[in-house]
């Protein structure tokens, strides 16, 4: 069985990325691995808001830093000994692969599956598909729980 030493999880606050984080934490604890948590603020959302670019950038950075800090604390509370965090700006697909994976150098990456519609995926492209195709290591694409499972509805 493969033992991983550097595990990276891409997060965006979605249910799917939280499921990926849970799985990443479990593997990191089992293998005694360093856990990386990476967030990319999507610059494509700035284009229509050029006048508000600085405000958006500041809020996106604060959101990303807060999110990865919450996740880092959760991982440490559950027993992960070494956690590194990354917050970057850019197009999520390429920025995650080139700037976060490139810097952290993981041997395993976990990302949540896409929540995009077929049209959105065609126009924007799936981050999880791009990561799986371009990461230089193993990649696990984690499916999120459906609404009924998240809310215990029968």
N, C-alpha and C. Protein backbone atom coordinates (compact mmCIF):
# COMPACT_ATOMS: atom_id res chain seq x y z
N UNK A 1 0.84 -1.18 0.00
CA UNK A 1 0.00 0.00 0.00
C UNK A 1 0.89 1.24 0.00
N UNK A 2 0.48 2.23 -0.77
CA UNK A 2 1.26 3.46 -0.90
C UNK A 2 1.16 4.31 0.36
N UNK A 3 2.30 4.82 0.77
CA UNK A 3 2.34 5.77 1.89
C UNK A 3 2.63 7.13 1.29
N UNK A 4 1.81 8.11 1.63
CA UNK A 4 1.99 9.47 1.12
C UNK A 4 2.67 10.33 2.17
N UNK A 5 3.54 11.22 1.71
CA UNK A 5 4.29 12.08 2.61
C UNK A 5 3.84 13.54 2.56
N UNK A 6 3.34 13.96 1.38
CA UNK A 6 2.89 15.34 1.19
C UNK A 6 1.56 15.31 0.46
N UNK A 7 0.50 15.65 1.19
CA UNK A 7 -0.85 15.58 0.67
C UNK A 7 -1.40 17.00 0.55
N UNK A 8 -1.94 17.32 -0.61
CA UNK A 8 -2.49 18.65 -0.86
C UNK A 8 -3.97 18.55 -1.15
N UNK A 9 -4.76 19.41 -0.50
CA UNK A 9 -6.20 19.45 -0.73
C UNK A 9 -6.56 20.84 -1.26
N UNK A 10 -7.27 20.86 -2.38
CA UNK A 10 -7.79 22.12 -2.92
C UNK A 10 -9.15 22.39 -2.30
N UNK A 11 -9.32 23.60 -1.74
CA UNK A 11 -10.58 23.94 -1.08
C UNK A 11 -11.17 25.21 -1.68
N UNK A 12 -12.49 25.28 -1.63
CA UNK A 12 -13.19 26.49 -2.07
C UNK A 12 -14.43 26.77 -1.22
N UNK A 13 -14.61 25.99 -0.15
CA UNK A 13 -15.76 26.16 0.72
C UNK A 13 -16.96 25.32 0.32
N UNK A 14 -16.88 24.64 -0.82
CA UNK A 14 -17.99 23.80 -1.27
C UNK A 14 -18.06 22.50 -0.46
N UNK A 15 -19.21 21.86 -0.52
CA UNK A 15 -19.37 20.56 0.16
C UNK A 15 -18.38 19.54 -0.36
N UNK A 16 -18.15 19.59 -1.69
CA UNK A 16 -17.23 18.63 -2.30
C UNK A 16 -15.80 18.84 -1.80
N UNK A 17 -15.38 20.10 -1.68
CA UNK A 17 -14.01 20.33 -1.20
C UNK A 17 -13.88 20.00 0.28
N UNK A 18 -14.95 20.16 1.04
CA UNK A 18 -14.90 19.77 2.45
C UNK A 18 -14.80 18.26 2.60
N UNK A 19 -15.47 17.52 1.72
CA UNK A 19 -15.34 16.06 1.73
C UNK A 19 -13.90 15.67 1.36
N UNK A 20 -13.31 16.38 0.39
CA UNK A 20 -11.92 16.11 0.01
C UNK A 20 -10.99 16.39 1.20
N UNK A 21 -11.25 17.47 1.91
CA UNK A 21 -10.43 17.80 3.08
C UNK A 21 -10.54 16.71 4.15
N UNK A 22 -11.75 16.25 4.42
CA UNK A 22 -11.92 15.17 5.40
C UNK A 22 -11.10 13.95 5.02
N UNK A 23 -11.17 13.57 3.74
CA UNK A 23 -10.40 12.41 3.27
C UNK A 23 -8.91 12.68 3.37
N UNK A 24 -8.48 13.89 3.00
CA UNK A 24 -7.07 14.25 3.08
C UNK A 24 -6.55 14.20 4.50
N UNK A 25 -7.36 14.67 5.45
CA UNK A 25 -6.97 14.62 6.87
C UNK A 25 -6.82 13.17 7.32
N UNK A 26 -7.76 12.31 6.94
CA UNK A 26 -7.68 10.89 7.32
C UNK A 26 -6.40 10.25 6.80
N UNK A 27 -6.07 10.51 5.55
CA UNK A 27 -4.86 9.91 4.96
C UNK A 27 -3.61 10.49 5.60
N UNK A 28 -3.61 11.82 5.85
CA UNK A 28 -2.44 12.46 6.47
C UNK A 28 -2.18 11.89 7.86
N UNK A 29 -3.24 11.67 8.63
CA UNK A 29 -3.08 11.10 9.97
C UNK A 29 -2.55 9.66 9.86
N UNK A 30 -3.15 8.87 8.99
CA UNK A 30 -2.75 7.47 8.83
C UNK A 30 -1.28 7.36 8.40
N UNK A 31 -0.86 8.23 7.45
CA UNK A 31 0.49 8.13 6.90
C UNK A 31 1.51 9.02 7.60
N UNK A 32 1.07 9.86 8.55
CA UNK A 32 1.99 10.79 9.19
C UNK A 32 2.50 11.84 8.21
N UNK A 33 1.65 12.23 7.28
CA UNK A 33 2.06 13.13 6.19
C UNK A 33 1.86 14.60 6.53
N UNK A 34 2.59 15.44 5.80
CA UNK A 34 2.34 16.88 5.83
C UNK A 34 1.12 17.14 4.98
N UNK A 35 0.21 17.98 5.49
CA UNK A 35 -1.01 18.31 4.77
C UNK A 35 -0.93 19.75 4.28
N UNK A 36 -1.15 19.93 2.99
CA UNK A 36 -1.26 21.27 2.42
C UNK A 36 -2.71 21.56 2.11
N UNK A 37 -3.11 22.81 2.35
CA UNK A 37 -4.48 23.23 2.05
C UNK A 37 -4.37 24.46 1.17
N UNK A 38 -4.93 24.38 -0.04
CA UNK A 38 -4.78 25.47 -1.00
C UNK A 38 -6.11 26.03 -1.47
N UNK A 39 -6.17 27.37 -1.56
CA UNK A 39 -7.35 28.10 -2.02
C UNK A 39 -6.94 29.07 -3.11
N UNK A 40 -7.71 29.13 -4.19
CA UNK A 40 -7.45 30.08 -5.27
C UNK A 40 -8.65 31.00 -5.41
N UNK A 41 -8.42 32.32 -5.23
CA UNK A 41 -9.46 33.31 -5.47
C UNK A 41 -9.57 33.50 -6.98
N UNK A 42 -10.75 33.29 -7.50
CA UNK A 42 -10.98 33.29 -8.95
C UNK A 42 -11.00 34.70 -9.51
N UNK A 43 -9.98 35.07 -10.30
CA UNK A 43 -9.89 36.42 -10.87
C UNK A 43 -10.91 36.64 -11.97
N UNK A 44 -11.51 35.59 -12.50
CA UNK A 44 -12.53 35.78 -13.53
C UNK A 44 -13.72 36.54 -12.99
N UNK A 45 -13.92 36.50 -11.70
CA UNK A 45 -15.05 37.20 -11.10
C UNK A 45 -14.78 38.69 -10.95
N UNK A 46 -13.52 39.10 -11.09
CA UNK A 46 -13.17 40.51 -10.96
C UNK A 46 -13.53 41.29 -12.23
N UNK A 47 -13.41 40.66 -13.39
CA UNK A 47 -13.59 41.36 -14.67
C UNK A 47 -14.83 42.24 -14.74
N UNK A 48 -16.03 41.78 -14.36
CA UNK A 48 -17.20 42.66 -14.45
C UNK A 48 -17.21 43.75 -13.38
N UNK A 49 -16.31 43.64 -12.43
CA UNK A 49 -16.31 44.58 -11.30
C UNK A 49 -15.04 45.40 -11.23
N UNK A 50 -14.53 45.81 -12.38
CA UNK A 50 -13.25 46.51 -12.42
C UNK A 50 -13.18 47.65 -11.40
N UNK A 51 -14.25 48.43 -11.28
CA UNK A 51 -14.25 49.55 -10.34
C UNK A 51 -14.11 49.09 -8.89
N UNK A 52 -14.50 47.86 -8.65
CA UNK A 52 -14.46 47.32 -7.28
C UNK A 52 -13.35 46.30 -7.10
N UNK A 53 -12.40 46.29 -8.02
CA UNK A 53 -11.36 45.26 -8.03
C UNK A 53 -10.63 45.17 -6.69
N UNK A 54 -10.21 46.30 -6.14
CA UNK A 54 -9.46 46.28 -4.88
C UNK A 54 -10.31 45.75 -3.74
N UNK A 55 -11.59 46.15 -3.70
CA UNK A 55 -12.47 45.66 -2.64
C UNK A 55 -12.67 44.16 -2.77
N UNK A 56 -12.92 43.69 -4.00
CA UNK A 56 -13.12 42.25 -4.21
C UNK A 56 -11.85 41.49 -3.84
N UNK A 57 -10.71 41.98 -4.31
CA UNK A 57 -9.45 41.28 -4.05
C UNK A 57 -9.20 41.18 -2.55
N UNK A 58 -9.45 42.26 -1.84
CA UNK A 58 -9.24 42.25 -0.39
C UNK A 58 -10.19 41.25 0.29
N UNK A 59 -11.46 41.29 -0.10
CA UNK A 59 -12.43 40.38 0.51
C UNK A 59 -12.14 38.92 0.15
N UNK A 60 -11.75 38.68 -1.10
CA UNK A 60 -11.44 37.32 -1.53
C UNK A 60 -10.23 36.79 -0.76
N UNK A 61 -9.23 37.64 -0.58
CA UNK A 61 -8.04 37.22 0.17
C UNK A 61 -8.39 36.94 1.63
N UNK A 62 -9.20 37.82 2.24
CA UNK A 62 -9.62 37.60 3.62
C UNK A 62 -10.43 36.31 3.75
N UNK A 63 -11.34 36.08 2.80
CA UNK A 63 -12.15 34.86 2.82
C UNK A 63 -11.25 33.63 2.71
N UNK A 64 -10.34 33.65 1.75
CA UNK A 64 -9.44 32.51 1.55
C UNK A 64 -8.57 32.24 2.76
N UNK A 65 -7.99 33.31 3.32
CA UNK A 65 -7.15 33.14 4.52
C UNK A 65 -7.96 32.59 5.69
N UNK A 66 -9.17 33.12 5.87
CA UNK A 66 -10.02 32.64 6.95
C UNK A 66 -10.41 31.19 6.77
N UNK A 67 -10.76 30.83 5.53
CA UNK A 67 -11.17 29.47 5.23
C UNK A 67 -10.04 28.47 5.48
N UNK A 68 -8.86 28.74 4.96
CA UNK A 68 -7.76 27.79 5.15
C UNK A 68 -7.32 27.74 6.60
N UNK A 69 -7.47 28.85 7.32
CA UNK A 69 -7.12 28.84 8.75
C UNK A 69 -8.08 27.96 9.54
N UNK A 70 -9.38 28.06 9.23
CA UNK A 70 -10.37 27.19 9.87
C UNK A 70 -10.04 25.72 9.59
N UNK A 71 -9.76 25.41 8.33
CA UNK A 71 -9.45 24.04 7.94
C UNK A 71 -8.14 23.56 8.57
N UNK A 72 -7.15 24.44 8.66
CA UNK A 72 -5.88 24.10 9.29
C UNK A 72 -6.11 23.74 10.76
N UNK A 73 -6.87 24.57 11.46
CA UNK A 73 -7.16 24.30 12.88
C UNK A 73 -7.90 22.98 13.05
N UNK A 74 -8.84 22.70 12.15
CA UNK A 74 -9.57 21.44 12.20
C UNK A 74 -8.62 20.26 12.02
N UNK A 75 -7.73 20.35 11.04
CA UNK A 75 -6.77 19.26 10.78
C UNK A 75 -5.86 19.04 11.99
N UNK A 76 -5.36 20.13 12.56
CA UNK A 76 -4.48 20.01 13.73
C UNK A 76 -5.22 19.43 14.93
N UNK A 77 -6.46 19.85 15.13
CA UNK A 77 -7.26 19.32 16.23
C UNK A 77 -7.47 17.81 16.08
N UNK A 78 -7.61 17.37 14.84
CA UNK A 78 -7.82 15.93 14.59
C UNK A 78 -6.53 15.12 14.60
N UNK A 79 -5.38 15.79 14.68
CA UNK A 79 -4.12 15.06 14.84
C UNK A 79 -3.10 15.19 13.74
N UNK A 80 -3.33 16.04 12.74
CA UNK A 80 -2.31 16.25 11.71
C UNK A 80 -1.22 17.13 12.32
N UNK A 81 0.02 16.66 12.25
CA UNK A 81 1.13 17.34 12.92
C UNK A 81 1.67 18.55 12.14
N UNK A 82 1.68 18.46 10.80
CA UNK A 82 2.28 19.51 9.99
C UNK A 82 1.30 19.94 8.90
N UNK A 83 0.85 21.20 8.96
CA UNK A 83 -0.11 21.72 7.99
C UNK A 83 0.44 23.01 7.39
N UNK A 84 0.42 23.09 6.06
CA UNK A 84 0.82 24.30 5.35
C UNK A 84 -0.39 24.82 4.57
N UNK A 85 -0.53 26.15 4.49
CA UNK A 85 -1.67 26.72 3.78
C UNK A 85 -1.19 27.65 2.66
N UNK A 86 -2.04 27.76 1.63
CA UNK A 86 -1.74 28.58 0.46
C UNK A 86 -2.99 29.32 0.03
N UNK A 87 -2.87 30.63 -0.21
CA UNK A 87 -3.96 31.43 -0.76
C UNK A 87 -3.37 32.19 -1.94
N UNK A 88 -3.91 31.95 -3.14
CA UNK A 88 -3.40 32.58 -4.35
C UNK A 88 -4.55 33.20 -5.14
N UNK A 89 -4.22 34.14 -6.03
CA UNK A 89 -5.17 34.72 -6.96
C UNK A 89 -4.89 34.19 -8.35
N UNK A 90 -5.93 33.96 -9.14
CA UNK A 90 -5.73 33.53 -10.51
C UNK A 90 -6.90 32.72 -11.01
N UNK A 91 -6.71 32.09 -12.14
CA UNK A 91 -7.68 31.15 -12.68
C UNK A 91 -7.49 29.86 -11.89
N UNK A 92 -8.54 29.35 -11.23
CA UNK A 92 -8.36 28.21 -10.33
C UNK A 92 -7.60 27.03 -10.91
N UNK A 93 -7.91 26.64 -12.13
CA UNK A 93 -7.26 25.45 -12.71
C UNK A 93 -5.74 25.62 -12.77
N UNK A 94 -5.31 26.62 -13.50
CA UNK A 94 -3.87 26.76 -13.75
C UNK A 94 -3.12 27.25 -12.52
N UNK A 95 -3.73 28.13 -11.75
CA UNK A 95 -3.06 28.65 -10.56
C UNK A 95 -2.84 27.53 -9.55
N UNK A 96 -3.84 26.69 -9.36
CA UNK A 96 -3.70 25.59 -8.41
C UNK A 96 -2.58 24.65 -8.84
N UNK A 97 -2.57 24.29 -10.13
CA UNK A 97 -1.55 23.35 -10.61
C UNK A 97 -0.17 23.98 -10.62
N UNK A 98 -0.03 25.15 -11.20
CA UNK A 98 1.30 25.75 -11.38
C UNK A 98 1.86 26.38 -10.11
N UNK A 99 1.04 27.09 -9.37
CA UNK A 99 1.57 27.84 -8.23
C UNK A 99 1.48 27.10 -6.90
N UNK A 100 0.40 26.35 -6.70
CA UNK A 100 0.27 25.66 -5.41
C UNK A 100 0.89 24.27 -5.47
N UNK A 101 0.49 23.46 -6.45
CA UNK A 101 1.11 22.14 -6.58
C UNK A 101 2.61 22.30 -6.84
N UNK A 102 2.96 23.23 -7.72
CA UNK A 102 4.37 23.46 -8.04
C UNK A 102 5.21 23.82 -6.83
N UNK A 103 4.65 24.59 -5.91
CA UNK A 103 5.40 25.01 -4.72
C UNK A 103 5.40 23.92 -3.64
N UNK A 104 4.26 23.29 -3.41
CA UNK A 104 4.14 22.31 -2.32
C UNK A 104 4.77 20.96 -2.67
N UNK A 105 4.75 20.60 -3.95
CA UNK A 105 5.30 19.33 -4.44
C UNK A 105 4.71 18.11 -3.73
N UNK A 106 3.39 17.93 -3.82
CA UNK A 106 2.74 16.80 -3.15
C UNK A 106 2.96 15.49 -3.90
N UNK A 107 2.72 14.39 -3.19
CA UNK A 107 2.67 13.10 -3.86
C UNK A 107 1.23 12.61 -3.95
N UNK A 108 0.29 13.38 -3.40
CA UNK A 108 -1.14 13.12 -3.53
C UNK A 108 -1.89 14.44 -3.48
N UNK A 109 -2.86 14.60 -4.38
CA UNK A 109 -3.74 15.78 -4.40
C UNK A 109 -5.17 15.30 -4.30
N UNK A 110 -5.96 15.97 -3.48
CA UNK A 110 -7.39 15.69 -3.39
C UNK A 110 -8.15 16.96 -3.74
N UNK A 111 -9.15 16.82 -4.60
CA UNK A 111 -10.02 17.93 -4.96
C UNK A 111 -11.45 17.43 -4.96
N UNK A 112 -12.37 18.34 -4.74
CA UNK A 112 -13.78 17.99 -4.83
C UNK A 112 -14.22 17.91 -6.28
N UNK A 113 -15.20 17.07 -6.54
CA UNK A 113 -15.74 16.98 -7.90
C UNK A 113 -16.46 18.28 -8.22
N UNK A 114 -16.62 18.54 -9.47
CA UNK A 114 -17.23 19.79 -9.89
C UNK A 114 -18.72 19.82 -9.60
N UNK A 115 -19.20 21.00 -9.32
CA UNK A 115 -20.64 21.19 -9.13
C UNK A 115 -21.23 21.96 -10.30
N UNK A 116 -20.48 22.08 -11.40
CA UNK A 116 -20.93 22.86 -12.54
C UNK A 116 -21.95 22.11 -13.38
N UNK A 117 -22.81 22.89 -14.04
CA UNK A 117 -23.70 22.29 -15.03
C UNK A 117 -22.86 21.96 -16.26
N UNK A 118 -23.43 21.22 -17.19
CA UNK A 118 -22.70 20.86 -18.41
C UNK A 118 -22.28 22.11 -19.19
N UNK A 119 -23.14 23.12 -19.25
CA UNK A 119 -22.82 24.36 -19.96
C UNK A 119 -21.70 25.11 -19.27
N UNK A 120 -21.78 25.25 -17.95
CA UNK A 120 -20.73 25.94 -17.19
C UNK A 120 -19.41 25.22 -17.34
N UNK A 121 -19.44 23.90 -17.29
CA UNK A 121 -18.20 23.13 -17.43
C UNK A 121 -17.61 23.31 -18.81
N UNK A 122 -18.46 23.36 -19.85
CA UNK A 122 -17.97 23.57 -21.20
C UNK A 122 -17.29 24.93 -21.33
N UNK A 123 -17.90 25.96 -20.75
CA UNK A 123 -17.36 27.32 -20.87
C UNK A 123 -16.15 27.52 -19.95
N UNK A 124 -16.28 27.14 -18.71
CA UNK A 124 -15.23 27.41 -17.73
C UNK A 124 -14.21 26.28 -17.62
N UNK A 125 -14.65 25.07 -17.87
CA UNK A 125 -13.78 23.91 -17.69
C UNK A 125 -13.82 23.45 -16.24
N UNK A 126 -13.65 22.19 -16.04
CA UNK A 126 -13.67 21.62 -14.70
C UNK A 126 -12.29 21.69 -14.06
N UNK A 127 -12.24 22.27 -12.88
CA UNK A 127 -10.97 22.35 -12.15
C UNK A 127 -10.49 20.94 -11.81
N UNK A 128 -11.40 20.08 -11.34
CA UNK A 128 -10.98 18.73 -10.95
C UNK A 128 -10.45 17.94 -12.15
N UNK A 129 -11.08 18.09 -13.31
CA UNK A 129 -10.57 17.40 -14.51
C UNK A 129 -9.19 17.92 -14.89
N UNK A 130 -9.01 19.22 -14.83
CA UNK A 130 -7.73 19.83 -15.19
C UNK A 130 -6.62 19.36 -14.24
N UNK A 131 -6.93 19.36 -12.94
CA UNK A 131 -5.94 18.92 -11.95
C UNK A 131 -5.58 17.46 -12.19
N UNK A 132 -6.59 16.62 -12.42
CA UNK A 132 -6.33 15.19 -12.66
C UNK A 132 -5.45 14.98 -13.88
N UNK A 133 -5.64 15.81 -14.91
CA UNK A 133 -4.86 15.66 -16.14
C UNK A 133 -3.46 16.25 -16.05
N UNK A 134 -3.25 17.25 -15.20
CA UNK A 134 -1.98 17.98 -15.21
C UNK A 134 -1.11 17.83 -13.95
N UNK A 135 -1.65 17.27 -12.89
CA UNK A 135 -0.86 17.10 -11.67
C UNK A 135 0.19 16.01 -11.89
N UNK A 136 1.39 16.21 -11.36
CA UNK A 136 2.46 15.23 -11.55
C UNK A 136 2.46 14.12 -10.50
N UNK A 137 1.29 13.89 -9.89
CA UNK A 137 1.21 12.90 -8.82
C UNK A 137 -0.19 12.28 -8.83
N UNK A 138 -0.44 11.41 -7.87
CA UNK A 138 -1.77 10.81 -7.74
C UNK A 138 -2.79 11.88 -7.42
N UNK A 139 -4.00 11.73 -7.95
CA UNK A 139 -5.10 12.66 -7.70
C UNK A 139 -6.34 11.87 -7.34
N UNK A 140 -7.01 12.30 -6.30
CA UNK A 140 -8.30 11.72 -5.93
C UNK A 140 -9.34 12.82 -6.07
N UNK A 141 -10.37 12.54 -6.87
CA UNK A 141 -11.49 13.47 -7.03
C UNK A 141 -12.61 12.94 -6.13
N UNK A 142 -12.99 13.74 -5.14
CA UNK A 142 -13.93 13.30 -4.11
C UNK A 142 -15.32 13.85 -4.42
N UNK A 143 -16.29 12.98 -4.42
CA UNK A 143 -17.69 13.39 -4.61
C UNK A 143 -18.24 13.88 -3.29
N UNK A 144 -19.04 14.92 -3.34
CA UNK A 144 -19.70 15.42 -2.14
C UNK A 144 -20.95 14.61 -1.84
N UNK A 145 -21.42 14.74 -0.63
CA UNK A 145 -22.68 14.10 -0.26
C UNK A 145 -23.82 14.91 -0.87
N UNK A 146 -24.90 14.22 -1.23
CA UNK A 146 -26.04 14.95 -1.76
C UNK A 146 -26.78 15.66 -0.62
N UNK A 147 -27.71 16.53 -0.98
CA UNK A 147 -28.40 17.36 -0.01
C UNK A 147 -29.07 16.53 1.08
N UNK A 148 -29.72 15.43 0.71
CA UNK A 148 -30.41 14.59 1.69
C UNK A 148 -29.43 14.01 2.71
N UNK A 149 -28.26 13.56 2.23
CA UNK A 149 -27.28 12.98 3.15
C UNK A 149 -26.71 14.05 4.09
N UNK A 150 -26.50 15.28 3.57
CA UNK A 150 -25.94 16.35 4.40
C UNK A 150 -26.93 16.80 5.47
N UNK A 151 -28.22 16.67 5.20
CA UNK A 151 -29.24 17.19 6.12
C UNK A 151 -30.04 16.09 6.79
N UNK A 152 -29.60 14.84 6.66
CA UNK A 152 -30.29 13.69 7.28
C UNK A 152 -31.78 13.68 7.02
N UNK A 153 -32.15 13.85 5.76
CA UNK A 153 -33.56 13.86 5.38
C UNK A 153 -33.90 12.51 4.76
N UNK A 154 -35.01 11.95 5.17
CA UNK A 154 -35.45 10.68 4.61
C UNK A 154 -36.46 10.89 3.51
